[in-house]
Amino acid sequence: MPHRASIQARFPGLKIRTVAPIGDGWTCDTYEVNGEWIVQVPRTAHAAERLRVQVALLPELAREVPAPIPLPASVSLEDDPPMMAYRRLPGAACDVAPGGIWPERLGRFLYALHSVPPEFVGMRTVRPAVVRARQRDVCSALAAQVLPFLDGLDRADAERMLASYLDEDDLWIFAPCLTHGDLGPEHVLVGADGDLAGIIDWEEAAIGDPAWDFAWWLHEMPDQAGRALAAYGGPPDRRFHDRARFTYALMPWHEVAFGLEDAQPAFVRSGLDGVRRRLPRTA
């Protein structure tokens, strides 16, 4: 276990008996300690910075949202790499969990999250133009990594999709808000009673587009997404669904980029399959 000794040294109060790796996160190694604690160890400088953001954000955010989120109980930020420990939240990933009211609870959770004034959690409000500029930078970097693998109609469709997303002024009329930023099913925990048990993995939290937090759901679990969006109060702006569609189409581009940067060709291959599979929905 590569980090067992350092976890023991950093967090002696945990009285470690067992350490088990969990998940396959791209940026952090995550361990379950004694079946009671979760310890996150970032792999990169960017992940380390995001962990520090979480340590500051999560205690403030917990006061504002209606479902459990990780609360840092022990942190070690001075050494390299920094580490965070929090009590394990019970529940299972929602895509393997029983039915219940969790979609409605998720919708209300997202409404509360998106309504939090950024200043309450140490962030600053930004204009849509700022979000757009940041997305232009992200898409430029992704294009440099992904487009060389595409040819013919695939490449033409991909280029057309990027241009449509970034250049249509009408798309960028919305109210930026605090977002989770990586809200897939593995990050939404559901209890045995079918109720929402917690939202985890906040390293991508930022001020951005509310459509980011609905994009995966609307295209992969549309029935549950419809219930969540109804509880949310409906689409918050006219082009919400269009931006969600672009966001969904771009998700596997990030997988390709991760595979290239981490020298994992399996992620490059699976990401490219996803890129090609999702292009017809947008181009």
Protein backbone atom coordinates (compact mmCIF):
# COMPACT_ATOMS: atom_id res chain seq x y z
CA MET A 1 0.00 0.00 0.00
CA PRO A 2 2.02 3.00 -1.27
CA HIS A 3 0.57 5.62 1.10
CA ARG A 4 -0.20 3.58 4.22
CA ALA A 5 2.89 4.69 6.13
CA SER A 6 2.46 8.35 5.27
CA ILE A 7 -1.25 8.27 6.18
CA GLN A 8 -0.32 6.70 9.52
CA ALA A 9 2.35 9.34 10.11
CA ARG A 10 0.14 12.27 9.12
CA PHE A 11 -3.00 11.12 10.95
CA PRO A 12 -1.94 9.18 14.05
CA GLY A 13 -5.31 9.91 15.64
CA LEU A 14 -7.02 7.60 13.15
CA LYS A 15 -5.34 4.56 14.82
CA ILE A 16 -5.12 2.77 11.50
CA ARG A 17 -6.09 -0.91 11.39
CA THR A 18 -7.01 -1.28 7.72
CA VAL A 19 -6.33 0.80 4.61
CA ALA A 20 -8.06 -0.08 1.33
CA PRO A 21 -7.84 1.81 -1.97
CA ILE A 22 -11.21 2.76 -3.42
CA GLY A 23 -12.33 4.19 -6.73
CA ASP A 24 -10.27 5.02 -9.80
CA GLY A 25 -10.12 8.80 -9.65
CA TRP A 26 -7.99 10.60 -12.20
CA THR A 27 -6.30 13.07 -9.88
CA CYS A 28 -6.29 11.62 -6.34
CA ASP A 29 -5.55 8.30 -4.70
CA THR A 30 -8.43 7.63 -2.31
CA TYR A 31 -8.37 5.22 0.63
CA GLU A 32 -10.91 3.89 3.09
CA VAL A 33 -9.35 3.69 6.54
CA ASN A 34 -10.82 1.39 9.20
CA GLY A 35 -14.05 1.33 7.19
CA GLU A 36 -14.85 4.71 8.76
CA TRP A 37 -12.65 7.35 7.14
CA ILE A 38 -11.83 8.51 3.63
CA VAL A 39 -8.35 9.87 2.97
CA GLN A 40 -7.53 11.67 -0.28
CA VAL A 41 -3.95 11.99 -1.57
CA PRO A 42 -3.49 14.17 -4.69
CA ARG A 43 -1.20 12.96 -7.45
CA THR A 44 -0.45 16.28 -9.14
CA ALA A 45 0.23 19.87 -8.21
CA HIS A 46 -3.14 20.88 -9.68
CA ALA A 47 -4.92 18.22 -7.62
CA ALA A 48 -3.07 19.41 -4.51
CA GLU A 49 -4.28 22.96 -5.09
CA ARG A 50 -7.85 21.72 -5.60
CA LEU A 51 -7.64 19.77 -2.35
CA ARG A 52 -6.68 22.96 -0.52
CA VAL A 53 -9.72 24.64 -2.09
CA GLN A 54 -11.93 21.83 -0.80
CA VAL A 55 -10.55 22.16 2.73
CA ALA A 56 -11.60 25.81 2.76
CA LEU A 57 -14.87 25.36 0.85
CA LEU A 58 -16.56 22.32 2.36
CA PRO A 59 -17.09 23.47 5.98
CA GLU A 60 -18.67 26.72 4.73
CA LEU A 61 -20.74 24.97 2.09
CA ALA A 62 -22.07 22.37 4.55
CA ARG A 63 -24.01 25.16 6.25
CA GLU A 64 -25.83 26.03 3.03
CA VAL A 65 -26.89 22.75 1.40
CA PRO A 66 -29.60 20.25 2.43
CA ALA A 67 -27.62 16.99 2.17
CA PRO A 68 -24.39 15.67 3.70
CA ILE A 69 -21.08 16.50 2.04
CA PRO A 70 -17.56 15.60 3.18
CA LEU A 71 -16.36 17.57 6.18
CA PRO A 72 -12.56 17.64 6.59
CA ALA A 73 -11.84 16.25 10.06
CA SER A 74 -8.07 16.01 9.73
CA VAL A 75 -5.89 17.75 7.19
CA SER A 76 -2.18 17.82 6.46
CA LEU A 77 -1.49 20.69 4.11
CA GLU A 78 2.09 21.66 4.83
CA ASP A 79 3.80 18.48 3.68
CA ASP A 80 3.94 17.19 0.12
CA PRO A 81 1.54 15.89 -0.95
CA PRO A 82 -1.20 17.47 1.18
CA MET A 83 -3.85 15.09 2.51
CA MET A 84 -7.43 15.34 3.71
CA ALA A 85 -9.38 12.89 5.89
CA TYR A 86 -13.14 12.94 6.43
CA ARG A 87 -15.70 10.56 7.87
CA ARG A 88 -17.02 8.16 5.27
CA LEU A 89 -20.55 9.01 4.14
CA PRO A 90 -22.85 5.96 4.04
CA GLY A 91 -24.68 5.03 0.88
CA ALA A 92 -24.14 3.56 -2.56
CA ALA A 93 -23.61 5.17 -5.95
CA CYS A 94 -27.03 6.16 -7.20
CA ASP A 95 -26.87 4.14 -10.43
CA VAL A 96 -26.76 0.90 -8.42
CA ALA A 97 -28.97 2.12 -5.57
CA PRO A 98 -32.65 1.27 -5.06
CA GLY A 99 -35.42 3.50 -6.32
CA GLY A 100 -36.70 6.23 -4.11
CA ILE A 101 -36.97 9.98 -3.85
CA TRP A 102 -33.28 10.69 -4.38
CA PRO A 103 -33.79 12.38 -7.81
CA GLU A 104 -36.10 14.96 -6.24
CA ARG A 105 -33.69 15.43 -3.35
CA LEU A 106 -30.85 15.86 -5.85
CA GLY A 107 -32.81 18.53 -7.70
CA ARG A 108 -33.46 20.44 -4.48
CA PHE A 109 -29.83 20.02 -3.45
CA LEU A 110 -28.67 21.50 -6.75
CA TYR A 111 -31.12 24.37 -6.44
CA ALA A 112 -29.69 25.16 -3.01
CA LEU A 113 -26.10 24.76 -4.24
CA HIS A 114 -26.64 26.98 -7.27
CA SER A 115 -28.30 29.59 -5.05
CA VAL A 116 -25.39 29.91 -2.60
CA PRO A 117 -23.88 33.40 -2.87
CA PRO A 118 -20.24 32.76 -3.87
CA GLU A 119 -19.04 35.19 -1.20
CA PHE A 120 -20.53 32.91 1.48
CA VAL A 121 -17.95 30.24 0.61
CA GLY A 122 -14.94 32.41 -0.15
CA MET A 123 -15.49 32.72 -3.90
CA ARG A 124 -16.36 35.64 -6.12
CA THR A 125 -19.24 36.15 -8.55
CA VAL A 126 -18.22 36.27 -12.21
CA ARG A 127 -19.99 37.32 -15.38
CA PRO A 128 -20.97 34.84 -18.12
CA ALA A 129 -18.26 36.35 -20.31
CA VAL A 130 -15.65 35.16 -17.81
CA VAL A 131 -17.04 31.61 -17.83
CA ARG A 132 -17.09 31.73 -21.62
CA ALA A 133 -13.46 32.87 -21.82
CA ARG A 134 -12.38 30.11 -19.46
CA GLN A 135 -14.27 27.53 -21.50
CA ARG A 136 -12.64 28.84 -24.66
CA ASP A 137 -9.23 28.19 -23.08
CA VAL A 138 -10.28 24.70 -21.94
CA CYS A 139 -11.66 23.81 -25.36
CA SER A 140 -8.55 25.13 -27.11
CA ALA A 141 -6.37 22.82 -24.99
CA LEU A 142 -8.72 19.86 -25.55
CA ALA A 143 -8.82 20.47 -29.30
CA ALA A 144 -5.04 20.40 -29.50
CA GLN A 145 -5.05 16.99 -27.83
CA VAL A 146 -8.12 15.36 -29.41
CA LEU A 147 -8.48 16.69 -32.97
CA PRO A 148 -5.25 15.07 -34.25
CA PHE A 149 -6.88 11.68 -33.58
CA LEU A 150 -9.93 12.52 -35.71
CA ASP A 151 -10.24 12.71 -39.47
CA GLY A 152 -12.83 13.15 -42.17
CA LEU A 153 -16.38 13.79 -41.05
CA ASP A 154 -15.51 13.15 -37.40
CA ARG A 155 -13.02 15.99 -37.37
CA ALA A 156 -15.34 18.31 -39.29
CA ASP A 157 -18.20 17.56 -36.89
CA ALA A 158 -15.93 18.09 -33.88
CA GLU A 159 -14.68 21.44 -35.15
CA ARG A 160 -18.25 22.52 -35.96
CA MET A 161 -19.38 21.52 -32.48
CA LEU A 162 -16.67 23.56 -30.79
CA ALA A 163 -17.45 26.59 -32.92
CA SER A 164 -21.16 26.32 -32.19
CA TYR A 165 -20.54 26.04 -28.46
CA LEU A 166 -18.08 28.90 -28.16
CA ASP A 167 -19.30 31.37 -30.80
CA GLU A 168 -23.08 31.47 -30.34
CA ASP A 169 -23.64 34.54 -28.19
CA ASP A 170 -27.14 33.43 -27.29
CA LEU A 171 -25.78 30.39 -25.45
CA TRP A 172 -23.95 32.56 -22.94
CA ILE A 173 -26.90 34.34 -21.40
CA PHE A 174 -27.26 32.75 -17.96
CA ALA A 175 -26.47 33.40 -14.31
CA PRO A 176 -23.14 31.81 -13.27
CA CYS A 177 -23.38 29.97 -9.97
CA LEU A 178 -21.49 27.67 -7.62
CA THR A 179 -21.33 24.25 -9.28
CA HIS A 180 -20.08 20.82 -8.25
CA GLY A 181 -18.47 20.44 -11.67
CA ASP A 182 -18.11 16.63 -11.74
CA LEU A 183 -21.53 15.32 -10.80
CA GLY A 184 -21.63 11.76 -12.11
CA PRO A 185 -23.49 8.86 -10.46
CA GLU A 186 -20.47 7.74 -8.44
CA HIS A 187 -20.52 11.07 -6.62
CA VAL A 188 -24.21 10.92 -5.65
CA LEU A 189 -24.77 8.53 -2.72
CA VAL A 190 -28.13 6.99 -1.95
CA GLY A 191 -29.13 5.22 1.25
CA ALA A 192 -31.01 1.93 1.65
CA ASP A 193 -34.23 3.92 1.98
CA GLY A 194 -33.79 5.49 -1.46
CA ASP A 195 -33.07 8.94 -0.06
CA LEU A 196 -30.09 11.11 -0.92
CA ALA A 197 -27.26 10.23 1.48
CA GLY A 198 -24.50 12.56 0.34
CA ILE A 199 -22.60 14.31 -2.45
CA ILE A 200 -18.86 13.63 -2.61
CA ASP A 201 -15.71 14.57 -4.59
CA TRP A 202 -15.78 18.36 -4.79
CA GLU A 203 -12.38 18.98 -6.35
CA GLU A 204 -13.90 20.57 -9.49
CA ALA A 205 -16.20 22.96 -7.58
CA ALA A 206 -16.18 26.39 -9.22
CA ILE A 207 -18.33 29.31 -10.29
CA GLY A 208 -19.71 28.30 -13.67
CA ASP A 209 -22.65 27.12 -15.72
CA PRO A 210 -25.57 25.41 -13.91
CA ALA A 211 -25.94 23.14 -16.93
CA TRP A 212 -22.66 21.45 -16.02
CA ASP A 213 -24.29 19.70 -13.06
CA PHE A 214 -27.18 18.33 -15.14
CA ALA A 215 -25.37 17.39 -18.35
CA TRP A 216 -24.56 13.74 -17.62
CA TRP A 217 -27.95 13.04 -16.06
CA LEU A 218 -30.01 14.48 -18.89
CA HIS A 219 -28.33 12.16 -21.38
CA GLU A 220 -27.60 9.00 -19.37
CA MET A 221 -30.42 8.86 -16.79
CA PRO A 222 -33.09 11.06 -18.40
CA ASP A 223 -36.01 9.84 -16.28
CA GLN A 224 -34.22 10.65 -13.02
CA ALA A 225 -32.88 13.87 -14.55
CA GLY A 226 -36.41 14.95 -15.44
CA ARG A 227 -37.53 14.43 -11.86
CA ALA A 228 -34.48 16.27 -10.52
CA LEU A 229 -34.96 19.18 -12.89
CA ALA A 230 -38.65 19.45 -11.96
CA ALA A 231 -37.70 19.64 -8.27
CA TYR A 232 -35.05 22.21 -9.20
CA GLY A 233 -37.78 24.40 -10.67
CA GLY A 234 -37.19 23.71 -14.36
CA PRO A 235 -34.48 24.95 -16.71
CA PRO A 236 -33.08 28.23 -15.36
CA ASP A 237 -32.63 29.81 -18.82
CA ARG A 238 -33.69 29.33 -22.44
CA ARG A 239 -30.48 27.67 -23.76
CA PHE A 240 -29.85 25.49 -20.69
CA HIS A 241 -30.48 22.19 -22.51
CA ASP A 242 -28.26 23.21 -25.43
CA ARG A 243 -25.31 23.95 -23.15
CA ALA A 244 -25.92 20.68 -21.28
CA ARG A 245 -25.74 18.84 -24.59
CA PHE A 246 -22.41 20.44 -25.49
CA THR A 247 -21.05 19.73 -21.99
CA TYR A 248 -22.05 16.08 -22.27
CA ALA A 249 -20.40 15.78 -25.68
CA LEU A 250 -17.14 17.25 -24.33
CA MET A 251 -16.83 14.92 -21.34
CA PRO A 252 -14.90 12.17 -23.19
CA TRP A 253 -12.52 14.81 -24.55
CA HIS A 254 -11.32 15.24 -20.98
CA GLU A 255 -10.83 11.46 -20.77
CA VAL A 256 -8.59 11.54 -23.83
CA ALA A 257 -6.59 14.41 -22.33
CA PHE A 258 -6.16 12.55 -19.06
CA GLY A 259 -5.01 9.41 -20.86
CA LEU A 260 -2.41 11.37 -22.79
CA GLU A 261 -1.14 13.29 -19.78
CA ASP A 262 -1.02 10.21 -17.52
CA ALA A 263 0.36 7.85 -20.19
CA GLN A 264 -2.67 5.56 -20.03
CA PRO A 265 -3.58 4.54 -23.59
CA ALA A 266 -6.71 2.69 -22.43
CA PHE A 267 -8.23 6.02 -21.41
CA VAL A 268 -7.24 7.53 -24.76
CA ARG A 269 -8.99 4.71 -26.61
CA SER A 270 -12.15 4.73 -24.50
CA GLY A 271 -12.23 8.54 -24.57
CA LEU A 272 -12.00 8.62 -28.36
CA ASP A 273 -14.80 6.07 -28.61
CA GLY A 274 -16.91 8.42 -26.48
CA VAL A 275 -15.91 11.46 -28.53
CA ARG A 276 -17.05 9.81 -31.75
CA ARG A 277 -20.18 8.32 -30.21
CA ARG A 278 -21.40 11.68 -28.87
CA LEU A 279 -20.58 13.83 -31.91
CA PRO A 280 -23.82 13.13 -33.81
CA ARG A 281 -25.85 14.47 -30.89
CA THR A 282 -24.32 17.92 -31.26
CA ALA A 283 -22.91 18.41 -34.74
